[in-house]
Amino acid sequence: MLQAQQHMAAAQMLQAAASQAFDVVRRKYLTQLHVKTGRNIIAYYSGWLSKPENILNLGIVDEDKNGFMMAVHGMDRTKNLDLLLHTPGGSLAATESIVDYLRQMFPTDIRVIVPQLSMSAGTMIACCANKVLMARHSSLGPIDPQIRGVPAYGVIQEFRRAYREIKKDPQKAEVWRPILAKYNPTFLSECENGIRWASSFVEGQLKEHMFKDVPRAGDRARKVVKRLTDYTGNKAHNRHINFEECKKMGLDVDLIETVVDAEFQDLVLTVHHCLMHSLMNTNAFKIIENQSGAAFIKQNVASAVPQQRT
């Protein structure tokens, strides 16, 4: 028994040492990226690609605002903000709240950098920026809302199809009955409200920030929202939308490879890989961290662990 406890203690010490090493290297390059750009840096990273799906809160949740508040505290906000995003998406309510907070802190210039993937509500955050930077291998995703894990547009299409078929042939009602019975009362209204909420939120943010000086900003914003919410055209909620498609639909996006110089690209990708290695090789499943080392780290063996460089 004593030997087993000693082995466990030794393993925990090795794990702690490894985590500390990842922290040191990651923060080194976050600082270098800050020095390169002269802008504030916040990385918001989820480990959804490498962690078990049963871990709660891999997506965007209200608790994440605490991490952003910690990261913003003490910043020189006149230097504006670069937000590095890697997320599967999450709660629309939490997304709206976090965007509102960041816009109060950095009202004039937020630049979102997507080194790999920023999906669903993560795409909504990108649409709230003044500009988005992507690599050739980066992707955004559709923003059609998922209500209780079900695509809202799909539900509405299914109801409309059922209505048409039953109206044409009342005997089809028996075929549709078990399908429609799986939806709770008011679920259709909840889906319709979710669609209007997501669309109006992103459209308003685009007009207010990314397209604020663009002629016919409303038309351009509506075009982007229509493309990102095209349930039929996108085929699936997890569809990857690359740089060229984002540019074509009207988003203000630039390539990381060309926006500054090769050093900037190298630093962005190095920070990205450091964050990914941290998520893959430690117990951390979500990291919110700034260039000064202030971090809010969620781990699957403990509650949130605030960390501050000493």
Foldseek 3Di string as FASTA:
>chain_A
DVVVVVVVVVVVVVQVVVLVVLLVQLLVLLLVLCVVLVAWEKEWAFQVVADDPPDPPSAQDQVCLVFVVLALPPDPLVRPYEYEDDHQHDDPVSLLVSLVVSCVSNVAFYEYEYAAEQEASRVLSNLLGLEYAYAQRHFYFANQDQDPNHRLVVVVVLVVVQVVVCVVPVVCCVVCVVVVVVDDPCNNVVSVVSRVVSLVSSLVSNCVHNCVPPPPSSVLSNLLNCVRNVCVVQVDRPRTQGDVNCVVSPGRYDYQPPPPHNVSVVSVVSSVVSVNCSCNSHQWRIWIHISQSFIFTQGPVDGTDTDGDD
